[in-house]
Amino acid sequence: MPIAQSDLETLLKTAFPQAEIEVVDLAGDGDHYKAIIADASFAGLSKVKQHQSVYAALKGRVGGEIHALALETRAP
């Protein structure tokens, strides 16, 4: 079952409480999202490490409840 956009936003805001977060449902089907996250914890990290932190925050939901997730991460 797909994850609701609001649930995805909640997971991200819980993991990155100080971040600027925008979540977009790319296909309108609850399966394909884009998340834009600007968080100070990303400073000095490679894009790979930034994305790994986001995947860890989503606790295994990518590839399951979240079929596809495009990420744009950066430090503010």
PDB file of N, CA and C in Angstrom:
ATOM      1  N   MET A   1       0.852  -1.192   0.000  1.00  0.00           N
ATOM      2  CA  MET A   1       0.000   0.000   0.000  1.00  0.00           C
ATOM      3  C   MET A   1       0.891   1.247   0.000  1.00  0.00           C
ATOM      4  N   PRO A   2       0.595   2.224  -0.840  1.00  0.00           N
ATOM      5  CA  PRO A   2       1.389   3.453  -0.907  1.00  0.00           C
ATOM      6  C   PRO A   2       1.318   4.245   0.404  1.00  0.00           C
ATOM      7  N   ILE A   3       2.314   5.065   0.619  1.00  0.00           N
ATOM      8  CA  ILE A   3       2.353   5.932   1.792  1.00  0.00           C
ATOM      9  C   ILE A   3       1.726   7.280   1.426  1.00  0.00           C
ATOM     10  N   ALA A   4       0.993   7.844   2.346  1.00  0.00           N
ATOM     11  CA  ALA A   4       0.381   9.160   2.113  1.00  0.00           C
ATOM     12  C   ALA A   4       1.460  10.237   2.157  1.00  0.00           C
ATOM     13  N   GLN A   5       1.291  11.263   1.366  1.00  0.00           N
ATOM     14  CA  GLN A   5       2.254  12.359   1.319  1.00  0.00           C
ATOM     15  C   GLN A   5       2.450  12.957   2.707  1.00  0.00           C
ATOM     16  N   SER A   6       1.375  13.112   3.465  1.00  0.00           N
ATOM     17  CA  SER A   6       1.485  13.694   4.808  1.00  0.00           C
ATOM     18  C   SER A   6       2.298  12.786   5.734  1.00  0.00           C
ATOM     19  N   ASP A   7       2.181  11.465   5.567  1.00  0.00           N
ATOM     20  CA  ASP A   7       2.969  10.535   6.386  1.00  0.00           C
ATOM     21  C   ASP A   7       4.446  10.615   6.028  1.00  0.00           C
ATOM     22  N   LEU A   8       4.739  10.747   4.755  1.00  0.00           N
ATOM     23  CA  LEU A   8       6.122  10.899   4.311  1.00  0.00           C
ATOM     24  C   LEU A   8       6.716  12.191   4.873  1.00  0.00           C
ATOM     25  N   GLU A   9       5.956  13.271   4.805  1.00  0.00           N
ATOM     26  CA  GLU A   9       6.410  14.553   5.358  1.00  0.00           C
ATOM     27  C   GLU A   9       6.669  14.435   6.856  1.00  0.00           C
ATOM     28  N   THR A  10       5.796  13.739   7.568  1.00  0.00           N
ATOM     29  CA  THR A  10       5.950  13.561   9.014  1.00  0.00           C
ATOM     30  C   THR A  10       7.225  12.787   9.339  1.00  0.00           C
ATOM     31  N   LEU A  11       7.483  11.718   8.603  1.00  0.00           N
ATOM     32  CA  LEU A  11       8.711  10.945   8.819  1.00  0.00           C
ATOM     33  C   LEU A  11       9.952  11.814   8.623  1.00  0.00           C
ATOM     34  N   LEU A  12       9.949  12.593   7.565  1.00  0.00           N
ATOM     35  CA  LEU A  12      11.099  13.444   7.277  1.00  0.00           C
ATOM     36  C   LEU A  12      11.250  14.561   8.312  1.00  0.00           C
ATOM     37  N   LYS A  13      10.146  15.169   8.714  1.00  0.00           N
ATOM     38  CA  LYS A  13      10.208  16.251   9.704  1.00  0.00           C
ATOM     39  C   LYS A  13      10.627  15.734  11.080  1.00  0.00           C
ATOM     40  N   THR A  14      10.276  14.494  11.386  1.00  0.00           N
ATOM     41  CA  THR A  14      10.695  13.886  12.649  1.00  0.00           C
ATOM     42  C   THR A  14      12.206  13.654  12.636  1.00  0.00           C
ATOM     43  N   ALA A  15      12.727  13.176  11.524  1.00  0.00           N
ATOM     44  CA  ALA A  15      14.160  12.884  11.409  1.00  0.00           C
ATOM     45  C   ALA A  15      15.005  14.141  11.254  1.00  0.00           C
ATOM     46  N   PHE A  16      14.436  15.150  10.609  1.00  0.00           N
ATOM     47  CA  PHE A  16      15.162  16.397  10.327  1.00  0.00           C
ATOM     48  C   PHE A  16      14.313  17.583  10.800  1.00  0.00           C
ATOM     49  N   PRO A  17      14.167  17.747  12.121  1.00  0.00           N
ATOM     50  CA  PRO A  17      13.222  18.746  12.655  1.00  0.00           C
ATOM     51  C   PRO A  17      13.537  20.197  12.299  1.00  0.00           C
ATOM     52  N   GLN A  18      14.798  20.521  12.039  1.00  0.00           N
ATOM     53  CA  GLN A  18      15.164  21.904  11.719  1.00  0.00           C
ATOM     54  C   GLN A  18      15.216  22.163  10.210  1.00  0.00           C
ATOM     55  N   ALA A  19      14.940  21.150   9.423  1.00  0.00           N
ATOM     56  CA  ALA A  19      15.102  21.247   7.968  1.00  0.00           C
ATOM     57  C   ALA A  19      13.951  21.975   7.292  1.00  0.00           C
ATOM     58  N   GLU A  20      14.284  22.528   6.125  1.00  0.00           N
ATOM     59  CA  GLU A  20      13.268  23.003   5.195  1.00  0.00           C
ATOM     60  C   GLU A  20      12.964  21.800   4.308  1.00  0.00           C
ATOM     61  N   ILE A  21      11.700  21.381   4.287  1.00  0.00           N
ATOM     62  CA  ILE A  21      11.320  20.161   3.564  1.00  0.00           C
ATOM     63  C   ILE A  21      10.137  20.447   2.656  1.00  0.00           C
ATOM     64  N   GLU A  22      10.257  19.988   1.421  1.00  0.00           N
ATOM     65  CA  GLU A  22       9.147  20.055   0.474  1.00  0.00           C
ATOM     66  C   GLU A  22       8.996  18.668  -0.144  1.00  0.00           C
ATOM     67  N   VAL A  23       7.776  18.140  -0.107  1.00  0.00           N
ATOM     68  CA  VAL A  23       7.495  16.841  -0.705  1.00  0.00           C
ATOM     69  C   VAL A  23       6.467  17.039  -1.807  1.00  0.00           C
ATOM     70  N   VAL A  24       6.755  16.474  -2.981  1.00  0.00           N
ATOM     71  CA  VAL A  24       5.871  16.601  -4.137  1.00  0.00           C
ATOM     72  C   VAL A  24       5.487  15.200  -4.612  1.00  0.00           C
ATOM     73  N   ASP A  25       4.192  14.970  -4.799  1.00  0.00           N
ATOM     74  CA  ASP A  25       3.718  13.713  -5.386  1.00  0.00           C
ATOM     75  C   ASP A  25       3.826  13.865  -6.896  1.00  0.00           C
ATOM     76  N   LEU A  26       4.821  13.236  -7.487  1.00  0.00           N
ATOM     77  CA  LEU A  26       5.138  13.459  -8.901  1.00  0.00           C
ATOM     78  C   LEU A  26       4.084  12.930  -9.865  1.00  0.00           C
ATOM     79  N   ALA A  27       3.436  11.828  -9.515  1.00  0.00           N
ATOM     80  CA  ALA A  27       2.502  11.201 -10.450  1.00  0.00           C
ATOM     81  C   ALA A  27       1.051  11.259  -9.967  1.00  0.00           C
ATOM     82  N   GLY A  28       0.839  11.768  -8.764  1.00  0.00           N
ATOM     83  CA  GLY A  28      -0.514  11.822  -8.227  1.00  0.00           C
ATOM     84  C   GLY A  28      -1.040  10.478  -7.772  1.00  0.00           C
ATOM     85  N   ASP A  29      -0.131   9.499  -7.637  1.00  0.00           N
ATOM     86  CA  ASP A  29      -0.578   8.150  -7.287  1.00  0.00           C
ATOM     87  C   ASP A  29      -0.117   7.696  -5.906  1.00  0.00           C
ATOM     88  N   GLY A  30       0.601   8.549  -5.171  1.00  0.00           N
ATOM     89  CA  GLY A  30       1.074   8.179  -3.850  1.00  0.00           C
ATOM     90  C   GLY A  30       2.229   7.198  -3.873  1.00  0.00           C
ATOM     91  N   ASP A  31       2.813   6.963  -5.027  1.00  0.00           N
ATOM     92  CA  ASP A  31       3.916   6.017  -5.168  1.00  0.00           C
ATOM     93  C   ASP A  31       5.219   6.666  -5.618  1.00  0.00           C
ATOM     94  N   HIS A  32       5.133   7.839  -6.217  1.00  0.00           N
ATOM     95  CA  HIS A  32       6.301   8.495  -6.812  1.00  0.00           C
ATOM     96  C   HIS A  32       6.422   9.910  -6.248  1.00  0.00           C
ATOM     97  N   TYR A  33       7.441  10.102  -5.419  1.00  0.00           N
ATOM     98  CA  TYR A  33       7.616  11.382  -4.743  1.00  0.00           C
ATOM     99  C   TYR A  33       8.967  12.003  -5.056  1.00  0.00           C
ATOM    100  N   LYS A  34       9.011  13.314  -4.865  1.00  0.00           N
ATOM    101  CA  LYS A  34      10.273  14.042  -4.848  1.00  0.00           C
ATOM    102  C   LYS A  34      10.327  14.755  -3.506  1.00  0.00           C
ATOM    103  N   ALA A  35      11.464  14.654  -2.837  1.00  0.00           N
ATOM    104  CA  ALA A  35      11.648  15.353  -1.570  1.00  0.00           C
ATOM    105  C   ALA A  35      12.838  16.285  -1.714  1.00  0.00           C
ATOM    106  N   ILE A  36      12.623  17.529  -1.338  1.00  0.00           N
ATOM    107  CA  ILE A  36      13.673  18.540  -1.339  1.00  0.00           C
ATOM    108  C   ILE A  36      13.922  18.882   0.131  1.00  0.00           C
ATOM    109  N   ILE A  37      15.149  18.622   0.577  1.00  0.00           N
ATOM    110  CA  ILE A  37      15.460  18.774   1.995  1.00  0.00           C
ATOM    111  C   ILE A  37      16.729  19.601   2.153  1.00  0.00           C
ATOM    112  N   ALA A  38      16.624  20.689   2.898  1.00  0.00           N
ATOM    113  CA  ALA A  38      17.783  21.514   3.239  1.00  0.00           C
ATOM    114  C   ALA A  38      17.959  21.425   4.751  1.00  0.00           C
ATOM    115  N   ASP A  39      19.078  20.812   5.177  1.00  0.00           N
ATOM    116  CA  ASP A  39      19.299  20.614   6.611  1.00  0.00           C
ATOM    117  C   ASP A  39      20.770  20.824   6.947  1.00  0.00           C
ATOM    118  N   ALA A  40      21.026  21.453   8.069  1.00  0.00           N
ATOM    119  CA  ALA A  40      22.399  21.740   8.491  1.00  0.00           C
ATOM    120  C   ALA A  40      23.210  20.463   8.693  1.00  0.00           C
ATOM    121  N   SER A  41      22.562  19.369   9.025  1.00  0.00           N
ATOM    122  CA  SER A  41      23.295  18.112   9.238  1.00  0.00           C
ATOM    123  C   SER A  41      23.946  17.593   7.957  1.00  0.00           C
ATOM    124  N   PHE A  42      23.544  18.116   6.811  1.00  0.00           N
ATOM    125  CA  PHE A  42      24.117  17.694   5.535  1.00  0.00           C
ATOM    126  C   PHE A  42      25.441  18.410   5.213  1.00  0.00           C
ATOM    127  N   ALA A  43      25.775  19.445   5.977  1.00  0.00           N
ATOM    128  CA  ALA A  43      26.998  20.210   5.714  1.00  0.00           C
ATOM    129  C   ALA A  43      28.213  19.290   5.768  1.00  0.00           C
ATOM    130  N   GLY A  44      29.028  19.359   4.728  1.00  0.00           N
ATOM    131  CA  GLY A  44      30.247  18.574   4.669  1.00  0.00           C
ATOM    132  C   GLY A  44      30.070  17.132   4.234  1.00  0.00           C
ATOM    133  N   LEU A  45      28.828  16.700   4.032  1.00  0.00           N
ATOM    134  CA  LEU A  45      28.570  15.327   3.593  1.00  0.00           C
ATOM    135  C   LEU A  45      28.426  15.257   2.078  1.00  0.00           C
ATOM    136  N   SER A  46      28.867  14.163   1.500  1.00  0.00           N
ATOM    137  CA  SER A  46      28.653  13.943   0.069  1.00  0.00           C
ATOM    138  C   SER A  46      27.163  13.731  -0.179  1.00  0.00           C
ATOM    139  N   LYS A  47      26.752  13.862  -1.425  1.00  0.00           N
ATOM    140  CA  LYS A  47      25.344  13.611  -1.773  1.00  0.00           C
ATOM    141  C   LYS A  47      24.948  12.190  -1.387  1.00  0.00           C
ATOM    142  N   VAL A  48      25.854  11.245  -1.595  1.00  0.00           N
ATOM    143  CA  VAL A  48      25.559   9.845  -1.246  1.00  0.00           C
ATOM    144  C   VAL A  48      25.254   9.733   0.245  1.00  0.00           C
ATOM    145  N   LYS A  49      26.074  10.338   1.095  1.00  0.00           N
ATOM    146  CA  LYS A  49      25.855  10.281   2.548  1.00  0.00           C
ATOM    147  C   LYS A  49      24.565  11.019   2.937  1.00  0.00           C
ATOM    148  N   GLN A  50      24.287  12.140   2.281  1.00  0.00           N
ATOM    149  CA  GLN A  50      23.047  12.864   2.565  1.00  0.00           C
ATOM    150  C   GLN A  50      21.847  11.977   2.256  1.00  0.00           C
ATOM    151  N   HIS A  51      21.880  11.346   1.094  1.00  0.00           N
ATOM    152  CA  HIS A  51      20.757  10.498   0.675  1.00  0.00           C
ATOM    153  C   HIS A  51      20.643   9.268   1.565  1.00  0.00           C
ATOM    154  N   GLN A  52      21.769   8.720   2.001  1.00  0.00           N
ATOM    155  CA  GLN A  52      21.725   7.580   2.916  1.00  0.00           C
ATOM    156  C   GLN A  52      21.049   7.968   4.222  1.00  0.00           C
ATOM    157  N   SER A  53      21.289   9.205   4.709  1.00  0.00           N
ATOM    158  CA  SER A  53      20.613   9.638   5.936  1.00  0.00           C
ATOM    159  C   SER A  53      19.109   9.723   5.756  1.00  0.00           C
ATOM    160  N   VAL A  54      18.676  10.166   4.576  1.00  0.00           N
ATOM    161  CA  VAL A  54      17.237  10.248   4.307  1.00  0.00           C
ATOM    162  C   VAL A  54      16.642   8.833   4.239  1.00  0.00           C
ATOM    163  N   TYR A  55      17.312   7.936   3.525  1.00  0.00           N
ATOM    164  CA  TYR A  55      16.816   6.553   3.441  1.00  0.00           C
ATOM    165  C   TYR A  55      16.736   5.918   4.827  1.00  0.00           C
ATOM    166  N   ALA A  56      17.725   6.163   5.670  1.00  0.00           N
ATOM    167  CA  ALA A  56      17.707   5.628   7.038  1.00  0.00           C
ATOM    168  C   ALA A  56      16.515   6.176   7.814  1.00  0.00           C
ATOM    169  N   ALA A  57      16.220   7.454   7.621  1.00  0.00           N
ATOM    170  CA  ALA A  57      15.083   8.071   8.311  1.00  0.00           C
ATOM    171  C   ALA A  57      13.752   7.459   7.877  1.00  0.00           C
ATOM    172  N   LEU A  58      13.709   6.953   6.652  1.00  0.00           N
ATOM    173  CA  LEU A  58      12.460   6.369   6.125  1.00  0.00           C
ATOM    174  C   LEU A  58      12.317   4.898   6.483  1.00  0.00           C
ATOM    175  N   LYS A  59      13.287   4.360   7.189  1.00  0.00           N
ATOM    176  CA  LYS A  59      13.213   3.033   7.816  1.00  0.00           C
ATOM    177  C   LYS A  59      12.732   1.929   6.889  1.00  0.00           C
ATOM    178  N   GLY A  60      13.364   1.809   5.748  1.00  0.00           N
ATOM    179  CA  GLY A  60      13.068   0.698   4.853  1.00  0.00           C
ATOM    180  C   GLY A  60      11.818   0.844   3.998  1.00  0.00           C
ATOM    181  N   ARG A  61      11.200   1.997   4.002  1.00  0.00           N
ATOM    182  CA  ARG A  61       9.966   2.177   3.226  1.00  0.00           C
ATOM    183  C   ARG A  61      10.208   2.395   1.734  1.00  0.00           C
ATOM    184  N   VAL A  62      11.427   2.861   1.375  1.00  0.00           N
ATOM    185  CA  VAL A  62      11.739   3.076  -0.040  1.00  0.00           C
ATOM    186  C   VAL A  62      11.884   1.707  -0.699  1.00  0.00           C
ATOM    187  N   GLY A  63      11.167   1.527  -1.795  1.00  0.00           N
ATOM    188  CA  GLY A  63      11.139   0.230  -2.461  1.00  0.00           C
ATOM    189  C   GLY A  63       9.963  -0.604  -2.019  1.00  0.00           C
ATOM    190  N   GLY A  64       9.251  -0.140  -1.009  1.00  0.00           N
ATOM    191  CA  GLY A  64       8.053  -0.807  -0.514  1.00  0.00           C
ATOM    192  C   GLY A  64       6.873   0.150  -0.607  1.00  0.00           C
ATOM    193  N   GLU A  65       6.560   0.778   0.520  1.00  0.00           N
ATOM    194  CA  GLU A  65       5.470   1.752   0.547  1.00  0.00           C
ATOM    195  C   GLU A  65       5.752   2.943  -0.374  1.00  0.00           C
ATOM    196  N   ILE A  66       7.030   3.278  -0.503  1.00  0.00           N
ATOM    197  CA  ILE A  66       7.445   4.365  -1.395  1.00  0.00           C
ATOM    198  C   ILE A  66       8.112   3.709  -2.593  1.00  0.00           C
ATOM    199  N   HIS A  67       7.420   3.649  -3.691  1.00  0.00           N
ATOM    200  CA  HIS A  67       7.943   2.970  -4.877  1.00  0.00           C
ATOM    201  C   HIS A  67       9.146   3.706  -5.454  1.00  0.00           C
ATOM    202  N   ALA A  68       9.052   5.040  -5.551  1.00  0.00           N
ATOM    203  CA  ALA A  68      10.145   5.834  -6.120  1.00  0.00           C
ATOM    204  C   ALA A  68      10.254   7.148  -5.366  1.00  0.00           C
ATOM    205  N   LEU A  69      11.500   7.534  -5.080  1.00  0.00           N
ATOM    206  CA  LEU A  69      11.740   8.773  -4.366  1.00  0.00           C
ATOM    207  C   LEU A  69      12.935   9.492  -4.996  1.00  0.00           C
ATOM    208  N   ALA A  70      12.675  10.638  -5.590  1.00  0.00           N
ATOM    209  CA  ALA A  70      13.736  11.487  -6.112  1.00  0.00           C
ATOM    210  C   ALA A  70      14.143  12.428  -4.980  1.00  0.00           C
ATOM    211  N   LEU A  71      15.442  12.529  -4.730  1.00  0.00           N
ATOM    212  CA  LEU A  71      15.919  13.365  -3.627  1.00  0.00           C
ATOM    213  C   LEU A  71      16.751  14.530  -4.136  1.00  0.00           C
ATOM    214  N   GLU A  72      16.513  15.667  -3.510  1.00  0.00           N
ATOM    215  CA  GLU A  72      17.359  16.847  -3.700  1.00  0.00           C
ATOM    216  C   GLU A  72      17.707  17.296  -2.290  1.00  0.00           C
ATOM    217  N   THR A  73      18.965  17.121  -1.909  1.00  0.00           N
ATOM    218  CA  THR A  73      19.389  17.459  -0.559  1.00  0.00           C
ATOM    219  C   THR A  73      20.509  18.480  -0.609  1.00  0.00           C
ATOM    220  N   ARG A  74      20.579  19.308   0.454  1.00  0.00           N
ATOM    221  CA  ARG A  74      21.643  20.300   0.553  1.00  0.00           C
ATOM    222  C   ARG A  74      21.663  20.863   1.967  1.00  0.00           C
ATOM    223  N   ALA A  75      22.776  21.472   2.303  1.00  0.00           N
ATOM    224  CA  ALA A  75      22.860  22.234   3.543  1.00  0.00           C
ATOM    225  C   ALA A  75      22.299  23.623   3.247  1.00  0.00           C
ATOM    226  N   PRO A  76      21.648  24.252   4.215  1.00  0.00           N
ATOM    227  CA  PRO A  76      21.089  25.591   3.968  1.00  0.00           C
ATOM    228  C   PRO A  76      22.157  26.642   3.740  1.00  0.00           C
TER     229      PRO A  76
END
